C-alpha atoms as a PDB file:
ATOM      1  CA  MET A   1     -27.465  44.681  33.197  1.00  0.00           C
ATOM      2  CA  ASN A   2     -24.580  46.437  31.443  1.00  0.00           C
ATOM      3  CA  ARG A   3     -23.692  45.823  27.780  1.00  0.00           C
ATOM      4  CA  ILE A   4     -20.760  43.498  28.533  1.00  0.00           C
ATOM      5  CA  GLY A   5     -22.901  41.376  30.841  1.00  0.00           C
ATOM      6  CA  LEU A   6     -25.649  41.175  28.197  1.00  0.00           C
ATOM      7  CA  LEU A   7     -23.176  40.157  25.467  1.00  0.00           C
ATOM      8  CA  THR A   8     -21.638  37.518  27.733  1.00  0.00           C
ATOM      9  CA  ALA A   9     -25.069  36.108  28.629  1.00  0.00           C
ATOM     10  CA  SER A  10     -26.088  36.046  24.937  1.00  0.00           C
ATOM     11  CA  ALA A  11     -22.884  34.239  23.960  1.00  0.00           C
ATOM     12  CA  LEU A  12     -23.414  31.694  26.735  1.00  0.00           C
ATOM     13  CA  ILE A  13     -27.021  31.017  25.659  1.00  0.00           C
ATOM     14  CA  TRP A  14     -25.898  30.651  22.009  1.00  0.00           C
ATOM     15  CA  SER A  15     -23.117  28.214  22.924  1.00  0.00           C
ATOM     16  CA  LEU A  16     -25.498  26.141  25.059  1.00  0.00           C
ATOM     17  CA  SER A  17     -28.080  25.969  22.280  1.00  0.00           C
ATOM     18  CA  THR A  18     -25.507  24.870  19.683  1.00  0.00           C
ATOM     19  CA  ALA A  19     -24.067  22.310  22.077  1.00  0.00           C
ATOM     20  CA  ALA A  20     -27.469  20.629  22.296  1.00  0.00           C
ATOM     21  CA  ALA A  21     -27.289  19.698  18.605  1.00  0.00           C
ATOM     22  CA  ALA A  22     -24.185  17.576  19.207  1.00  0.00           C
ATOM     23  CA  SER A  23     -23.382  15.707  22.377  1.00  0.00           C
ATOM     24  CA  GLU A  24     -20.842  13.351  23.840  1.00  0.00           C
ATOM     25  CA  THR A  25     -21.378  10.006  25.506  1.00  0.00           C
ATOM     26  CA  VAL A  26     -18.857   8.949  28.123  1.00  0.00           C
ATOM     27  CA  SER A  27     -18.540   5.212  28.807  1.00  0.00           C
ATOM     28  CA  TYR A  28     -16.146   3.599  31.248  1.00  0.00           C
ATOM     29  CA  VAL A  29     -15.336   0.368  33.073  1.00  0.00           C
ATOM     30  CA  TYR A  30     -12.618  -0.764  35.449  1.00  0.00           C
ATOM     31  CA  ASP A  31     -10.016  -3.140  34.047  1.00  0.00           C
ATOM     32  CA  ALA A  32      -8.450  -6.125  35.833  1.00  0.00           C
ATOM     33  CA  LEU A  33      -5.919  -3.853  37.559  1.00  0.00           C
ATOM     34  CA  GLY A  34      -8.571  -1.448  38.847  1.00  0.00           C
ATOM     35  CA  ARG A  35      -7.827   1.282  36.305  1.00  0.00           C
ATOM     36  CA  MET A  36     -10.735   3.180  34.816  1.00  0.00           C
ATOM     37  CA  VAL A  37     -10.887   2.864  31.039  1.00  0.00           C
ATOM     38  CA  GLY A  38     -13.312   4.926  29.028  1.00  0.00           C
ATOM     39  CA  SER A  39     -14.332   6.408  25.755  1.00  0.00           C
ATOM     40  CA  VAL A  40     -15.837   9.714  24.710  1.00  0.00           C
ATOM     41  CA  SER A  41     -18.108   9.389  21.670  1.00  0.00           C
ATOM     42  CA  ASP A  42     -19.451  12.272  19.629  1.00  0.00           C
ATOM     43  CA  SER A  43     -23.073  12.027  18.595  1.00  0.00           C
ATOM     44  CA  GLY A  44     -25.259  14.179  16.466  1.00  0.00           C
ATOM     45  CA  PRO A  45     -24.928  15.475  12.913  1.00  0.00           C
ATOM     46  CA  THR A  46     -21.225  16.304  13.204  1.00  0.00           C
ATOM     47  CA  ALA A  47     -20.116  13.040  14.867  1.00  0.00           C
ATOM     48  CA  LYS A  48     -16.710  12.050  13.611  1.00  0.00           C
ATOM     49  CA  ALA A  49     -14.869   9.930  16.165  1.00  0.00           C
ATOM     50  CA  THR A  50     -14.633   8.182  19.491  1.00  0.00           C
ATOM     51  CA  SER A  51     -11.622   9.004  21.643  1.00  0.00           C
ATOM     52  CA  MET A  52     -10.297   6.235  23.881  1.00  0.00           C
ATOM     53  CA  TYR A  53      -8.692   7.030  27.239  1.00  0.00           C
ATOM     54  CA  ARG A  54      -7.319   5.185  30.244  1.00  0.00           C
ATOM     55  CA  TYR A  55      -7.168   6.722  33.713  1.00  0.00           C
ATOM     56  CA  ASP A  56      -4.421   5.911  36.195  1.00  0.00           C
ATOM     57  CA  ALA A  57      -4.719   5.767  40.003  1.00  0.00           C
ATOM     58  CA  ALA A  58      -4.278   9.536  40.258  1.00  0.00           C
ATOM     59  CA  SER A  59      -7.140  10.062  37.762  1.00  0.00           C
ATOM     60  CA  ASN A  60      -4.748  11.289  35.085  1.00  0.00           C
ATOM     61  CA  ARG A  61      -6.278  10.723  31.675  1.00  0.00           C
ATOM     62  CA  ASN A  62      -3.976   8.982  29.189  1.00  0.00           C
ATOM     63  CA  TYR A  63      -4.901   9.297  25.541  1.00  0.00           C
ATOM     64  CA  VAL A  64      -5.030   5.952  23.766  1.00  0.00           C
ATOM     65  CA  GLY A  65      -6.369   6.655  20.285  1.00  0.00           C
ATOM     66  CA  VAL A  66      -9.199   7.849  18.084  1.00  0.00           C
ATOM     67  CA  VAL A  67     -11.672   5.529  16.418  1.00  0.00           C
ATOM     68  CA  LYS A  68     -13.628   6.598  13.350  1.00  0.00           C
ATOM     69  CA  ALA A  69     -17.346   6.581  14.072  1.00  0.00           C
ATOM     70  CA  ASP A  70     -18.533   6.196  10.484  1.00  0.00           C
ATOM     71  CA  GLY A  71     -18.176   2.399  10.288  1.00  0.00           C
ATOM     72  CA  THR A  72     -15.735   2.436   7.363  1.00  0.00           C
ATOM     73  CA  GLN A  73     -12.732   1.240   9.368  1.00  0.00           C
ATOM     74  CA  ILE A  74     -12.047  -1.162  12.224  1.00  0.00           C
ATOM     75  CA  PRO A  75      -9.120   0.010  14.349  1.00  0.00           C
ATOM     76  CA  ILE A  76      -6.950  -2.833  15.632  1.00  0.00           C
ATOM     77  CA  PHE A  77      -5.365  -2.056  18.982  1.00  0.00           C
ATOM     78  CA  ARG A  78      -2.039  -3.577  19.939  1.00  0.00           C
ATOM     79  CA  PHE A  79      -1.373  -4.535  23.556  1.00  0.00           C
ATOM     80  CA  HIS A  80       1.525  -6.225  25.275  1.00  0.00           C
ATOM     81  CA  GLN A  81       2.473  -7.806  28.550  1.00  0.00           C
ATOM     82  CA  ASN A  82       6.150  -8.545  28.993  1.00  0.00           C
ATOM     83  CA  TRP A  83       7.067  -9.836  25.530  1.00  0.00           C
ATOM     84  CA  ARG A  84       3.573 -11.023  24.521  1.00  0.00           C
ATOM     85  CA  HIS A  85       1.637  -9.098  21.899  1.00  0.00           C
ATOM     86  CA  PHE A  86      -2.153  -9.110  21.646  1.00  0.00           C
ATOM     87  CA  TYR A  87      -4.346  -7.652  18.880  1.00  0.00           C
ATOM     88  CA  THR A  88      -8.011  -6.725  19.161  1.00  0.00           C
ATOM     89  CA  ALA A  89     -10.690  -4.487  17.696  1.00  0.00           C
ATOM     90  CA  ASP A  90     -12.127  -4.134  21.210  1.00  0.00           C
ATOM     91  CA  PHE A  91      -9.963  -1.863  23.337  1.00  0.00           C
ATOM     92  CA  MET A  92     -11.780  -2.950  26.492  1.00  0.00           C
ATOM     93  CA  GLU A  93     -10.870  -6.617  25.857  1.00  0.00           C
ATOM     94  CA  GLY A  94      -7.161  -5.896  26.120  1.00  0.00           C
ATOM     95  CA  SER A  95      -7.493  -3.441  28.966  1.00  0.00           C
ATOM     96  CA  ASN A  96      -9.762  -5.729  31.012  1.00  0.00           C
ATOM     97  CA  ALA A  97      -7.129  -8.470  30.679  1.00  0.00           C
ATOM     98  CA  GLY A  98      -4.610  -6.160  32.380  1.00  0.00           C
ATOM     99  CA  LEU A  99      -2.525  -5.690  29.227  1.00  0.00           C
ATOM    100  CA  GLN A 100      -0.639  -2.502  28.399  1.00  0.00           C
ATOM    101  CA  PRO A 101      -1.979  -0.619  25.350  1.00  0.00           C
ATOM    102  CA  GLU A 102       0.563   0.464  22.765  1.00  0.00           C
ATOM    103  CA  TRP A 103      -1.432   2.174  19.996  1.00  0.00           C
ATOM    104  CA  ILE A 104      -3.792   1.603  17.127  1.00  0.00           C
ATOM    105  CA  ALA A 105      -1.577  -0.722  15.105  1.00  0.00           C
ATOM    106  CA  PHE A 106      -3.577  -0.605  11.869  1.00  0.00           C
ATOM    107  CA  SER A 107      -7.138  -0.440  10.560  1.00  0.00           C
ATOM    108  CA  LEU A 108      -9.166  -2.965   8.576  1.00  0.00           C
ATOM    109  CA  TYR A 109     -12.376  -2.849   6.573  1.00  0.00           C
ATOM    110  CA  PRO A 110     -15.532  -4.315   8.150  1.00  0.00           C
ATOM    111  CA  SER A 111     -16.700  -6.180   5.032  1.00  0.00           C
ATOM    112  CA  GLY A 112     -15.057  -8.052   2.186  1.00  0.00           C
ATOM    113  CA  GLY A 113     -15.126  -7.442  -1.522  1.00  0.00           C
ATOM    114  CA  SER A 114     -13.020  -7.525  -4.632  1.00  0.00           C
ATOM    115  CA  GLY A 115      -9.321  -7.114  -3.829  1.00  0.00           C
ATOM    116  CA  LEU A 116      -9.784  -7.726  -0.092  1.00  0.00           C
ATOM    117  CA  ILE A 117      -8.725 -10.679   2.064  1.00  0.00           C
ATOM    118  CA  ALA A 118     -10.027 -11.750   5.473  1.00  0.00           C
ATOM    119  CA  LEU A 119      -7.731 -11.587   8.512  1.00  0.00           C
ATOM    120  CA  TYR A 120      -8.390 -13.815  11.519  1.00  0.00           C
ATOM    121  CA  ARG A 121      -7.185 -13.621  15.084  1.00  0.00           C
ATOM    122  CA  CYS A 122      -5.674 -16.924  16.165  1.00  0.00           C
ATOM    123  CA  TYR A 123      -4.408 -18.495  19.364  1.00  0.00           C
ATOM    124  CA  GLN A 124      -1.737 -21.112  19.955  1.00  0.00           C
ATOM    125  CA  SER A 125      -2.605 -22.492  23.381  1.00  0.00           C
ATOM    126  CA  GLY A 126       0.644 -24.361  24.033  1.00  0.00           C
ATOM    127  CA  SER A 127       2.641 -21.134  23.943  1.00  0.00           C
ATOM    128  CA  ASP A 128      -0.121 -18.645  24.848  1.00  0.00           C
ATOM    129  CA  ASP A 129       0.572 -16.854  21.550  1.00  0.00           C
ATOM    130  CA  HIS A 130      -2.035 -14.696  19.796  1.00  0.00           C
ATOM    131  CA  PHE A 131      -1.427 -13.935  16.125  1.00  0.00           C
ATOM    132  CA  VAL A 132      -3.129 -12.856  12.894  1.00  0.00           C
ATOM    133  CA  SER A 133      -3.566 -15.110   9.867  1.00  0.00           C
ATOM    134  CA  ILE A 134      -5.201 -15.103   6.435  1.00  0.00           C
ATOM    135  CA  SER A 135      -6.167 -18.747   7.033  1.00  0.00           C
ATOM    136  CA  SER A 136      -9.658 -19.332   8.426  1.00  0.00           C
ATOM    137  CA  THR A 137      -8.259 -22.484  10.080  1.00  0.00           C
ATOM    138  CA  CYS A 138      -5.475 -20.444  11.713  1.00  0.00           C
ATOM    139  CA  GLU A 139      -2.815 -22.805  10.394  1.00  0.00           C
ATOM    140  CA  GLY A 140      -4.057 -25.592  12.654  1.00  0.00           C
ATOM    141  CA  GLN A 141      -4.427 -23.402  15.752  1.00  0.00           C
ATOM    142  CA  VAL A 142      -7.543 -21.990  17.443  1.00  0.00           C
ATOM    143  CA  GLN A 143      -9.465 -19.352  15.490  1.00  0.00           C
ATOM    144  CA  GLU A 144     -10.722 -16.564  17.760  1.00  0.00           C
ATOM    145  CA  GLY A 145     -12.686 -14.736  15.090  1.00  0.00           C
ATOM    146  CA  LEU A 146     -12.674 -12.617  11.969  1.00  0.00           C
ATOM    147  CA  MET A 147     -10.928  -9.295  12.572  1.00  0.00           C
ATOM    148  CA  GLY A 148     -11.716  -7.581   9.275  1.00  0.00           C
ATOM    149  CA  TYR A 149     -10.430  -7.269   5.731  1.00  0.00           C
ATOM    150  CA  ALA A 150      -7.188  -5.986   4.188  1.00  0.00           C
ATOM    151  CA  TYR A 151      -6.204  -5.257   0.600  1.00  0.00           C
ATOM    152  CA  THR A 152      -4.385  -7.980  -1.313  1.00  0.00           C
ATOM    153  CA  THR A 153      -2.235  -5.494  -3.257  1.00  0.00           C
ATOM    154  CA  ALA A 154      -0.320  -2.313  -2.532  1.00  0.00           C
ATOM    155  CA  GLY A 155      -1.831   1.036  -3.500  1.00  0.00           C
ATOM    156  CA  PRO A 156      -2.051   4.708  -2.503  1.00  0.00           C
ATOM    157  CA  GLY A 157      -2.498   5.138   1.248  1.00  0.00           C
ATOM    158  CA  ARG A 158      -1.959   1.428   1.925  1.00  0.00           C
ATOM    159  CA  ARG A 159       0.777   0.034   4.147  1.00  0.00           C
ATOM    160  CA  ALA A 160       2.114  -3.514   4.126  1.00  0.00           C
ATOM    161  CA  LEU A 161       1.120  -5.522   7.201  1.00  0.00           C
ATOM    162  CA  TYR A 162       4.038  -7.749   8.215  1.00  0.00           C
ATOM    163  CA  ARG A 163       3.950 -10.838  10.394  1.00  0.00           C
ATOM    164  CA  PHE A 164       7.063 -11.741  12.384  1.00  0.00           C
ATOM    165  CA  TYR A 165       7.821 -14.547  14.812  1.00  0.00           C
ATOM    166  CA  LYS A 166      10.409 -14.907  17.558  1.00  0.00           C
ATOM    167  CA  ALA A 167      10.785 -18.590  18.508  1.00  0.00           C
ATOM    168  CA  SER A 168      12.790 -17.956  21.687  1.00  0.00           C
ATOM    169  CA  ILE A 169       9.783 -16.254  23.300  1.00  0.00           C
ATOM    170  CA  ALA A 170       7.022 -17.845  21.151  1.00  0.00           C
ATOM    171  CA  ASP A 171       5.583 -14.469  20.128  1.00  0.00           C
ATOM    172  CA  HIS A 172       4.150 -13.132  16.885  1.00  0.00           C
ATOM    173  CA  LEU A 173       4.592  -9.465  16.071  1.00  0.00           C
ATOM    174  CA  ILE A 174       2.142  -7.903  13.611  1.00  0.00           C
ATOM    175  CA  THR A 175       3.279  -4.492  12.400  1.00  0.00           C
ATOM    176  CA  VAL A 176       3.306  -2.045   9.509  1.00  0.00           C
ATOM    177  CA  ASP A 177       6.969  -1.301  10.263  1.00  0.00           C
ATOM    178  CA  SER A 178       9.266  -4.024   8.910  1.00  0.00           C
ATOM    179  CA  ASN A 179      12.223  -2.525  10.815  1.00  0.00           C
ATOM    180  CA  GLU A 180      10.417  -3.047  14.125  1.00  0.00           C
ATOM    181  CA  GLY A 181      10.435  -6.803  13.612  1.00  0.00           C
ATOM    182  CA  THR A 182      13.957  -7.241  12.295  1.00  0.00           C
ATOM    183  CA  SER A 183      15.560  -4.849  14.788  1.00  0.00           C
ATOM    184  CA  ASN A 184      13.992  -6.778  17.689  1.00  0.00           C
ATOM    185  CA  GLY A 185      15.224 -10.199  16.579  1.00  0.00           C
ATOM    186  CA  TYR A 186      12.010 -11.469  14.981  1.00  0.00           C
ATOM    187  CA  THR A 187      11.984 -13.568  11.791  1.00  0.00           C
ATOM    188  CA  SER A 188       9.752 -12.405   8.949  1.00  0.00           C
ATOM    189  CA  GLU A 189       6.849 -14.661   8.034  1.00  0.00           C
ATOM    190  CA  GLY A 190       5.744 -12.432   5.170  1.00  0.00           C
ATOM    191  CA  ILE A 191       3.097  -9.856   4.344  1.00  0.00           C
ATOM    192  CA  LEU A 192      -0.486 -10.550   5.433  1.00  0.00           C
ATOM    193  CA  GLY A 193      -1.997  -7.822   3.269  1.00  0.00           C
ATOM    194  CA  TYR A 194      -2.131  -4.059   2.911  1.00  0.00           C
ATOM    195  CA  VAL A 195      -3.897  -1.913   5.467  1.00  0.00           C
ATOM    196  CA  ILE A 196      -4.985   1.664   5.990  1.00  0.00           C
END
């Protein structure tokens, strides 16, 4: 074996042995529209994130977002169908329902504490409207569960989380961009908290 071949073989063996220390887990399912949706999770001592992807009919991978793997944040994904918005910590929930993913809208903390307030996902059945509330009773509507916790006050690295409503289409818009709500004809319902 010549020197170049030996160096190449040595480099390949070294890269294979270092790859064994960290690995990736690929998980996927098919959503309601027959699209494959999956995630790639790092594991091992250098694990940092899970990348979320959706595959179209031609097997093109579309990047959806990155989720921290350290348990310090809960990413909240925003989906839509026509004018309806839907918010979930479970990407597969929205995708399996045939909804279109937009992005990771904001992140919450998994547990409460001083200076934090609980945010709940709520559902108004008469108008098929999903929204987020600080009220555990969801303002008289159906509570779908605790989403996580947000700060009660502004601070470094925190963004205001606005809630908007558009009566003509019975839709709530939850966003960190106040201009998004006002420029699309929604009425402000205030700030829910401050998110990361």
